[in-house]
Amino acid sequence: MQFAYHRSLGPMMGVLLGLAIIEMLVVHLVVVAWLGGWAALVIGMVDLSAVIGLVWLIRSFRRRPVTLRDGVLTLHAGYLQSIAVPVDQIAGLRATWDAAAIKDRGLLNLALIAWPSVVIDLKAPIAPRRGRQVRAVAHKLDDPAAFHAAIAALSRADGY
């Protein structure tokens, strides 16, 4: 089972990309006027690589959906970050959350620059590939109702 998030995160990341391109052009003009062509070329290459990275990230949203297969829920934020959660580690889905809950160090926010549409609480902390222990995961899914239904069906099937 797959759950998309590219329609929710893509437009916001597109705005960020547009701002990055505008910033790149303005900085390039200022550097040309202040430091000359060689400095502008070097800074332009750095800015161009950042823009290419943002485009690559936005395109990866469609290629790497959230998946629920073989007893594992795999949540992705494109190629940027992902976490695999065994279904038996899911304690439940939060009904409400606030900014303090999203800023909690034990919550992995895969919604990036968007407000999450689902928050998954875990029974025990999970350590992703790098970093801190994760006790909850937040994401911005295109169809959170379908996700809630799939998790509820799993809960009924497993008897909890």
N, C-alpha and C. Protein backbone atom coordinates (compact mmCIF):
# COMPACT_ATOMS: atom_id res chain seq x y z
N MET A 1 0.84 -1.16 0.00
CA MET A 1 0.00 0.00 0.00
C MET A 1 0.91 1.25 0.00
N GLN A 2 0.57 2.23 -0.81
CA GLN A 2 1.37 3.45 -0.93
C GLN A 2 0.53 4.68 -0.62
N PHE A 3 1.19 5.66 -0.02
CA PHE A 3 0.55 6.93 0.32
C PHE A 3 1.43 8.06 -0.21
N ALA A 4 0.87 8.86 -1.08
CA ALA A 4 1.64 9.94 -1.72
C ALA A 4 1.69 11.17 -0.82
N TYR A 5 2.71 11.98 -1.04
CA TYR A 5 2.84 13.26 -0.36
C TYR A 5 3.37 14.35 -1.28
N HIS A 6 3.57 14.02 -2.56
CA HIS A 6 4.17 14.99 -3.48
C HIS A 6 3.22 16.16 -3.78
N ARG A 7 1.91 15.94 -3.76
CA ARG A 7 0.98 17.05 -4.02
C ARG A 7 0.89 18.01 -2.84
N SER A 8 1.21 17.54 -1.65
CA SER A 8 1.19 18.41 -0.47
C SER A 8 2.49 19.16 -0.29
N LEU A 9 3.60 18.48 -0.47
CA LEU A 9 4.91 19.11 -0.23
C LEU A 9 5.49 19.78 -1.47
N GLY A 10 5.15 19.29 -2.65
CA GLY A 10 5.74 19.81 -3.88
C GLY A 10 5.52 21.30 -4.10
N PRO A 11 4.29 21.80 -3.98
CA PRO A 11 4.09 23.24 -4.21
C PRO A 11 4.86 24.14 -3.24
N MET A 12 4.91 23.74 -1.97
CA MET A 12 5.66 24.55 -1.00
C MET A 12 7.15 24.53 -1.29
N MET A 13 7.64 23.38 -1.66
CA MET A 13 9.06 23.29 -2.01
C MET A 13 9.33 24.03 -3.32
N GLY A 14 8.34 24.08 -4.21
CA GLY A 14 8.47 24.86 -5.45
C GLY A 14 8.61 26.35 -5.16
N VAL A 15 7.87 26.83 -4.17
CA VAL A 15 8.01 28.23 -3.76
C VAL A 15 9.40 28.47 -3.19
N LEU A 16 9.88 27.54 -2.38
CA LEU A 16 11.24 27.65 -1.85
C LEU A 16 12.27 27.65 -2.98
N LEU A 17 12.04 26.83 -3.99
CA LEU A 17 12.93 26.81 -5.15
C LEU A 17 12.91 28.15 -5.88
N GLY A 18 11.74 28.71 -6.07
CA GLY A 18 11.64 30.02 -6.71
C GLY A 18 12.38 31.10 -5.93
N LEU A 19 12.23 31.09 -4.62
CA LEU A 19 12.96 32.04 -3.78
C LEU A 19 14.47 31.83 -3.87
N ALA A 20 14.88 30.57 -3.94
CA ALA A 20 16.31 30.28 -4.06
C ALA A 20 16.87 30.79 -5.38
N ILE A 21 16.09 30.67 -6.45
CA ILE A 21 16.55 31.17 -7.75
C ILE A 21 16.65 32.69 -7.74
N ILE A 22 15.66 33.36 -7.15
CA ILE A 22 15.71 34.82 -7.05
C ILE A 22 16.92 35.25 -6.22
N GLU A 23 17.14 34.58 -5.10
CA GLU A 23 18.29 34.89 -4.25
C GLU A 23 19.59 34.66 -5.01
N MET A 24 19.65 33.60 -5.78
CA MET A 24 20.86 33.29 -6.55
C MET A 24 21.15 34.41 -7.54
N LEU A 25 20.14 34.89 -8.23
CA LEU A 25 20.34 35.95 -9.21
C LEU A 25 20.78 37.26 -8.55
N VAL A 26 20.14 37.62 -7.45
CA VAL A 26 20.49 38.86 -6.76
C VAL A 26 21.90 38.80 -6.21
N VAL A 27 22.24 37.70 -5.54
CA VAL A 27 23.60 37.55 -5.00
C VAL A 27 24.62 37.55 -6.13
N HIS A 28 24.30 36.92 -7.22
CA HIS A 28 25.22 36.89 -8.36
C HIS A 28 25.50 38.31 -8.87
N LEU A 29 24.46 39.11 -9.01
CA LEU A 29 24.65 40.49 -9.47
C LEU A 29 25.47 41.32 -8.49
N VAL A 30 25.21 41.16 -7.20
CA VAL A 30 25.95 41.90 -6.18
C VAL A 30 27.42 41.47 -6.17
N VAL A 31 27.68 40.20 -6.27
CA VAL A 31 29.06 39.71 -6.25
C VAL A 31 29.81 40.14 -7.49
N VAL A 32 29.15 40.16 -8.64
CA VAL A 32 29.80 40.64 -9.87
C VAL A 32 30.21 42.09 -9.70
N ALA A 33 29.33 42.90 -9.14
CA ALA A 33 29.63 44.33 -8.96
C ALA A 33 30.69 44.55 -7.90
N TRP A 34 30.73 43.73 -6.87
CA TRP A 34 31.61 43.98 -5.74
C TRP A 34 32.95 43.28 -5.87
N LEU A 35 32.96 41.99 -6.25
CA LEU A 35 34.19 41.20 -6.26
C LEU A 35 34.69 40.82 -7.66
N GLY A 36 33.87 40.92 -8.65
CA GLY A 36 34.31 40.58 -9.99
C GLY A 36 33.76 39.26 -10.49
N GLY A 37 34.14 38.94 -11.71
CA GLY A 37 33.60 37.78 -12.41
C GLY A 37 33.97 36.44 -11.84
N TRP A 38 35.23 36.27 -11.41
CA TRP A 38 35.66 34.95 -10.90
C TRP A 38 34.93 34.59 -9.61
N ALA A 39 34.80 35.53 -8.71
CA ALA A 39 34.08 35.27 -7.46
C ALA A 39 32.61 34.97 -7.75
N ALA A 40 32.03 35.70 -8.68
CA ALA A 40 30.64 35.45 -9.05
C ALA A 40 30.47 34.06 -9.66
N LEU A 41 31.46 33.63 -10.42
CA LEU A 41 31.40 32.29 -11.02
C LEU A 41 31.43 31.22 -9.94
N VAL A 42 32.31 31.37 -8.96
CA VAL A 42 32.40 30.37 -7.88
C VAL A 42 31.12 30.35 -7.06
N ILE A 43 30.64 31.51 -6.66
CA ILE A 43 29.41 31.57 -5.87
C ILE A 43 28.21 31.10 -6.70
N GLY A 44 28.22 31.42 -7.98
CA GLY A 44 27.15 30.96 -8.86
C GLY A 44 27.10 29.45 -8.96
N MET A 45 28.26 28.80 -8.98
CA MET A 45 28.29 27.33 -9.03
C MET A 45 27.74 26.73 -7.74
N VAL A 46 28.07 27.35 -6.60
CA VAL A 46 27.54 26.85 -5.33
C VAL A 46 26.01 27.02 -5.31
N ASP A 47 25.53 28.19 -5.72
CA ASP A 47 24.09 28.42 -5.75
C ASP A 47 23.39 27.50 -6.74
N LEU A 48 23.99 27.29 -7.89
CA LEU A 48 23.40 26.41 -8.89
C LEU A 48 23.31 24.98 -8.37
N SER A 49 24.32 24.53 -7.64
CA SER A 49 24.26 23.18 -7.08
C SER A 49 23.15 23.07 -6.03
N ALA A 50 22.91 24.13 -5.27
CA ALA A 50 21.81 24.13 -4.30
C ALA A 50 20.46 24.06 -5.02
N VAL A 51 20.31 24.79 -6.10
CA VAL A 51 19.06 24.77 -6.87
C VAL A 51 18.85 23.39 -7.48
N ILE A 52 19.89 22.81 -8.02
CA ILE A 52 19.79 21.46 -8.60
C ILE A 52 19.41 20.46 -7.50
N GLY A 53 19.98 20.61 -6.31
CA GLY A 53 19.63 19.74 -5.19
C GLY A 53 18.16 19.86 -4.81
N LEU A 54 17.62 21.08 -4.80
CA LEU A 54 16.20 21.27 -4.49
C LEU A 54 15.31 20.63 -5.56
N VAL A 55 15.67 20.79 -6.82
CA VAL A 55 14.89 20.16 -7.90
C VAL A 55 14.92 18.64 -7.74
N TRP A 56 16.09 18.10 -7.45
CA TRP A 56 16.26 16.65 -7.25
C TRP A 56 15.38 16.18 -6.09
N LEU A 57 15.35 16.95 -4.99
CA LEU A 57 14.54 16.58 -3.84
C LEU A 57 13.05 16.61 -4.19
N ILE A 58 12.60 17.66 -4.86
CA ILE A 58 11.18 17.77 -5.23
C ILE A 58 10.77 16.62 -6.13
N ARG A 59 11.61 16.26 -7.08
CA ARG A 59 11.28 15.14 -7.98
C ARG A 59 11.27 13.80 -7.25
N SER A 60 12.03 13.68 -6.17
CA SER A 60 12.08 12.41 -5.44
C SER A 60 10.83 12.16 -4.60
N PHE A 61 10.03 13.20 -4.36
CA PHE A 61 8.80 13.00 -3.58
C PHE A 61 7.87 12.00 -4.26
N ARG A 62 7.76 12.08 -5.56
CA ARG A 62 6.87 11.19 -6.31
C ARG A 62 7.46 9.78 -6.39
N ARG A 63 8.78 9.69 -6.46
CA ARG A 63 9.44 8.38 -6.61
C ARG A 63 9.48 7.57 -5.33
N ARG A 64 9.41 8.24 -4.18
CA ARG A 64 9.55 7.55 -2.90
C ARG A 64 8.34 7.84 -1.99
N PRO A 65 7.21 7.21 -2.27
CA PRO A 65 6.03 7.43 -1.43
C PRO A 65 6.18 6.71 -0.07
N VAL A 66 5.30 7.03 0.83
CA VAL A 66 5.21 6.30 2.09
C VAL A 66 4.60 4.94 1.76
N THR A 67 5.22 3.88 2.26
CA THR A 67 4.74 2.53 1.93
C THR A 67 4.42 1.75 3.19
N LEU A 68 3.46 0.85 3.06
CA LEU A 68 3.07 -0.06 4.12
C LEU A 68 3.08 -1.46 3.51
N ARG A 69 4.17 -2.20 3.76
CA ARG A 69 4.35 -3.54 3.17
C ARG A 69 4.99 -4.49 4.17
N ASP A 70 4.57 -5.69 4.15
CA ASP A 70 5.21 -6.77 4.91
C ASP A 70 5.44 -6.41 6.38
N GLY A 71 4.47 -5.74 6.97
CA GLY A 71 4.56 -5.41 8.38
C GLY A 71 5.49 -4.26 8.72
N VAL A 72 5.87 -3.47 7.71
CA VAL A 72 6.77 -2.33 7.94
C VAL A 72 6.19 -1.10 7.26
N LEU A 73 6.07 -0.04 8.03
CA LEU A 73 5.67 1.27 7.51
C LEU A 73 6.95 2.06 7.25
N THR A 74 7.20 2.39 5.99
CA THR A 74 8.39 3.14 5.62
C THR A 74 7.97 4.55 5.23
N LEU A 75 8.42 5.51 6.00
CA LEU A 75 8.08 6.91 5.77
C LEU A 75 9.29 7.61 5.15
N HIS A 76 9.06 8.28 4.03
CA HIS A 76 10.13 8.98 3.31
C HIS A 76 9.84 10.47 3.25
N ALA A 77 10.90 11.24 3.16
CA ALA A 77 10.83 12.65 2.77
C ALA A 77 11.72 12.76 1.54
N GLY A 78 11.26 12.17 0.45
CA GLY A 78 12.07 12.09 -0.76
C GLY A 78 13.33 11.28 -0.47
N TYR A 79 14.43 11.71 -1.08
CA TYR A 79 15.71 11.06 -0.83
C TYR A 79 16.41 11.68 0.37
N LEU A 80 15.81 12.70 0.97
CA LEU A 80 16.43 13.42 2.07
C LEU A 80 16.51 12.59 3.35
N GLN A 81 15.40 11.96 3.72
CA GLN A 81 15.35 11.22 4.97
C GLN A 81 14.26 10.18 4.91
N SER A 82 14.45 9.08 5.64
CA SER A 82 13.41 8.05 5.73
C SER A 82 13.59 7.29 7.04
N ILE A 83 12.51 6.63 7.42
CA ILE A 83 12.55 5.79 8.62
C ILE A 83 11.60 4.62 8.39
N ALA A 84 12.03 3.44 8.81
CA ALA A 84 11.21 2.23 8.72
C ALA A 84 10.69 1.90 10.11
N VAL A 85 9.38 1.79 10.22
CA VAL A 85 8.74 1.52 11.51
C VAL A 85 8.00 0.19 11.40
N PRO A 86 8.39 -0.81 12.18
CA PRO A 86 7.60 -2.04 12.20
C PRO A 86 6.19 -1.74 12.69
N VAL A 87 5.21 -2.36 12.06
CA VAL A 87 3.82 -2.10 12.38
C VAL A 87 3.53 -2.36 13.86
N ASP A 88 4.16 -3.36 14.45
CA ASP A 88 3.90 -3.64 15.86
C ASP A 88 4.49 -2.59 16.80
N GLN A 89 5.29 -1.65 16.28
CA GLN A 89 5.84 -0.55 17.08
C GLN A 89 4.94 0.69 17.07
N ILE A 90 3.88 0.68 16.26
CA ILE A 90 2.98 1.83 16.18
C ILE A 90 2.02 1.80 17.37
N ALA A 91 2.11 2.84 18.21
CA ALA A 91 1.21 2.94 19.36
C ALA A 91 -0.13 3.53 18.96
N GLY A 92 -0.14 4.37 17.95
CA GLY A 92 -1.38 4.98 17.49
C GLY A 92 -1.12 6.27 16.76
N LEU A 93 -2.19 6.87 16.27
CA LEU A 93 -2.12 8.15 15.57
C LEU A 93 -2.69 9.23 16.48
N ARG A 94 -2.01 10.35 16.55
CA ARG A 94 -2.50 11.46 17.37
C ARG A 94 -3.69 12.12 16.69
N ALA A 95 -4.64 12.51 17.52
CA ALA A 95 -5.81 13.22 17.00
C ALA A 95 -5.49 14.70 16.83
N THR A 96 -4.71 15.27 17.74
CA THR A 96 -4.34 16.69 17.68
C THR A 96 -2.88 16.85 18.07
N TRP A 97 -2.29 17.94 17.63
CA TRP A 97 -0.93 18.29 18.02
C TRP A 97 -0.75 19.79 17.86
N ASP A 98 0.21 20.32 18.58
CA ASP A 98 0.48 21.75 18.51
C ASP A 98 1.95 21.97 18.13
N ALA A 99 2.35 23.23 18.07
CA ALA A 99 3.71 23.57 17.64
C ALA A 99 4.75 23.01 18.60
N ALA A 100 4.45 23.00 19.89
CA ALA A 100 5.40 22.45 20.87
C ALA A 100 5.63 20.96 20.63
N ALA A 101 4.57 20.24 20.29
CA ALA A 101 4.70 18.81 20.01
C ALA A 101 5.54 18.57 18.76
N ILE A 102 5.39 19.42 17.75
CA ILE A 102 6.14 19.26 16.50
C ILE A 102 7.62 19.60 16.71
N LYS A 103 7.91 20.53 17.62
CA LYS A 103 9.30 20.92 17.89
C LYS A 103 10.01 19.98 18.85
N ASP A 104 9.30 19.02 19.43
CA ASP A 104 9.89 18.08 20.37
C ASP A 104 11.04 17.32 19.72
N ARG A 105 12.14 17.16 20.45
CA ARG A 105 13.32 16.49 19.89
C ARG A 105 13.07 15.00 19.61
N GLY A 106 12.08 14.42 20.25
CA GLY A 106 11.77 13.01 20.03
C GLY A 106 10.86 12.76 18.84
N LEU A 107 10.46 13.83 18.14
CA LEU A 107 9.58 13.70 16.98
C LEU A 107 10.39 13.94 15.71
N LEU A 108 10.29 13.03 14.78
CA LEU A 108 10.93 13.19 13.47
C LEU A 108 9.91 13.80 12.52
N ASN A 109 10.17 15.03 12.08
CA ASN A 109 9.22 15.75 11.23
C ASN A 109 9.62 15.58 9.77
N LEU A 110 8.93 14.71 9.07
CA LEU A 110 9.18 14.47 7.64
C LEU A 110 8.32 15.36 6.76
N ALA A 111 7.55 16.26 7.36
CA ALA A 111 6.73 17.19 6.60
C ALA A 111 7.57 18.34 6.04
N LEU A 112 8.81 18.43 6.46
CA LEU A 112 9.77 19.45 6.01
C LEU A 112 9.25 20.84 6.31
N ILE A 113 8.79 21.59 5.31
CA ILE A 113 8.37 22.98 5.53
C ILE A 113 6.84 23.11 5.66
N ALA A 114 6.13 22.00 5.67
CA ALA A 114 4.66 22.02 5.76
C ALA A 114 4.22 21.64 7.18
N TRP A 115 2.97 21.95 7.50
CA TRP A 115 2.38 21.50 8.76
C TRP A 115 1.94 20.06 8.58
N PRO A 116 2.32 19.15 9.47
CA PRO A 116 2.01 17.73 9.27
C PRO A 116 0.51 17.44 9.28
N SER A 117 0.13 16.42 8.53
CA SER A 117 -1.27 15.99 8.51
C SER A 117 -1.46 14.71 9.32
N VAL A 118 -0.38 14.00 9.65
CA VAL A 118 -0.45 12.82 10.51
C VAL A 118 0.74 12.83 11.46
N VAL A 119 0.50 12.37 12.67
CA VAL A 119 1.56 12.17 13.66
C VAL A 119 1.38 10.77 14.21
N ILE A 120 2.42 9.97 14.09
CA ILE A 120 2.40 8.57 14.50
C ILE A 120 3.21 8.43 15.78
N ASP A 121 2.59 7.96 16.85
CA ASP A 121 3.30 7.69 18.10
C ASP A 121 3.82 6.26 18.07
N LEU A 122 5.01 6.06 18.63
CA LEU A 122 5.64 4.75 18.66
C LEU A 122 5.62 4.18 20.07
N LYS A 123 5.56 2.87 20.18
CA LYS A 123 5.57 2.22 21.48
C LYS A 123 6.93 2.35 22.16
N ALA A 124 7.98 2.18 21.39
CA ALA A 124 9.35 2.29 21.90
C ALA A 124 10.14 3.16 20.93
N PRO A 125 11.13 3.89 21.43
CA PRO A 125 11.92 4.74 20.54
C PRO A 125 12.66 3.91 19.49
N ILE A 126 12.78 4.51 18.31
CA ILE A 126 13.51 3.90 17.19
C ILE A 126 14.66 4.83 16.84
N ALA A 127 15.81 4.24 16.59
CA ALA A 127 16.97 5.04 16.18
C ALA A 127 17.09 4.97 14.66
N PRO A 128 16.89 6.09 13.97
CA PRO A 128 17.13 6.08 12.52
C PRO A 128 18.61 5.88 12.24
N ARG A 129 18.97 5.89 10.98
CA ARG A 129 20.36 5.64 10.60
C ARG A 129 21.35 6.54 11.33
N ARG A 130 20.96 7.78 11.51
CA ARG A 130 21.84 8.69 12.22
C ARG A 130 20.99 9.55 13.15
N GLY A 131 21.56 9.94 14.24
CA GLY A 131 20.87 10.91 15.07
C GLY A 131 20.22 10.34 16.31
N ARG A 132 19.22 11.03 16.75
CA ARG A 132 18.57 10.83 18.04
C ARG A 132 17.54 9.70 18.00
N GLN A 133 17.06 9.35 19.17
CA GLN A 133 15.98 8.38 19.30
C GLN A 133 14.66 9.05 18.92
N VAL A 134 13.86 8.37 18.14
CA VAL A 134 12.59 8.91 17.66
C VAL A 134 11.44 8.21 18.38
N ARG A 135 10.56 9.02 19.01
CA ARG A 135 9.39 8.47 19.71
C ARG A 135 8.09 8.71 18.94
N ALA A 136 8.16 9.58 17.93
CA ALA A 136 6.99 9.88 17.10
C ALA A 136 7.48 10.38 15.74
N VAL A 137 6.63 10.22 14.72
CA VAL A 137 6.97 10.66 13.37
C VAL A 137 5.80 11.47 12.82
N ALA A 138 6.11 12.62 12.24
CA ALA A 138 5.09 13.48 11.62
C ALA A 138 5.33 13.53 10.12
N HIS A 139 4.24 13.60 9.36
CA HIS A 139 4.36 13.69 7.90
C HIS A 139 3.16 14.44 7.33
N LYS A 140 3.33 14.97 6.14
CA LYS A 140 2.25 15.66 5.41
C LYS A 140 1.86 14.78 4.23
N LEU A 141 0.79 14.03 4.38
CA LEU A 141 0.33 13.12 3.33
C LEU A 141 -0.78 13.77 2.51
N ASP A 142 -0.88 13.36 1.25
CA ASP A 142 -1.93 13.89 0.37
C ASP A 142 -3.32 13.44 0.82
N ASP A 143 -3.43 12.21 1.31
CA ASP A 143 -4.72 11.66 1.73
C ASP A 143 -4.59 11.08 3.14
N PRO A 144 -4.61 11.93 4.16
CA PRO A 144 -4.45 11.40 5.52
C PRO A 144 -5.58 10.48 5.96
N ALA A 145 -6.78 10.66 5.41
CA ALA A 145 -7.91 9.80 5.79
C ALA A 145 -7.65 8.35 5.37
N ALA A 146 -7.11 8.15 4.19
CA ALA A 146 -6.79 6.79 3.74
C ALA A 146 -5.69 6.17 4.61
N PHE A 147 -4.75 6.99 5.01
CA PHE A 147 -3.68 6.51 5.89
C PHE A 147 -4.25 6.11 7.24
N HIS A 148 -5.10 6.95 7.81
CA HIS A 148 -5.74 6.63 9.09
C HIS A 148 -6.53 5.33 8.98
N ALA A 149 -7.26 5.15 7.87
CA ALA A 149 -8.04 3.93 7.69
C ALA A 149 -7.14 2.70 7.59
N ALA A 150 -6.03 2.82 6.91
CA ALA A 150 -5.10 1.69 6.77
C ALA A 150 -4.49 1.32 8.13
N ILE A 151 -4.12 2.31 8.91
CA ILE A 151 -3.55 2.04 10.24
C ILE A 151 -4.62 1.46 11.16
N ALA A 152 -5.85 1.99 11.07
CA ALA A 152 -6.93 1.43 11.89
C ALA A 152 -7.22 -0.01 11.50
N ALA A 153 -7.16 -0.33 10.22
CA ALA A 153 -7.39 -1.72 9.78
C ALA A 153 -6.29 -2.62 10.31
N LEU A 154 -5.06 -2.14 10.33
CA LEU A 154 -3.96 -2.92 10.90
C LEU A 154 -4.19 -3.16 12.38
N SER A 155 -4.62 -2.13 13.08
CA SER A 155 -4.85 -2.24 14.52
C SER A 155 -5.93 -3.27 14.82
N ARG A 156 -7.01 -3.25 14.04
CA ARG A 156 -8.09 -4.23 14.25
C ARG A 156 -7.60 -5.64 13.92
N ALA A 157 -6.80 -5.78 12.88
CA ALA A 157 -6.32 -7.09 12.47
C ALA A 157 -5.35 -7.68 13.50
N ASP A 158 -4.58 -6.80 14.15
CA ASP A 158 -3.60 -7.28 15.12
C ASP A 158 -4.16 -7.35 16.54
N GLY A 159 -5.38 -6.89 16.71
CA GLY A 159 -6.03 -7.00 18.01
C GLY A 159 -5.66 -5.94 19.02
N TYR A 160 -5.23 -4.77 18.56
CA TYR A 160 -4.97 -3.67 19.50
C TYR A 160 -5.51 -2.36 18.99
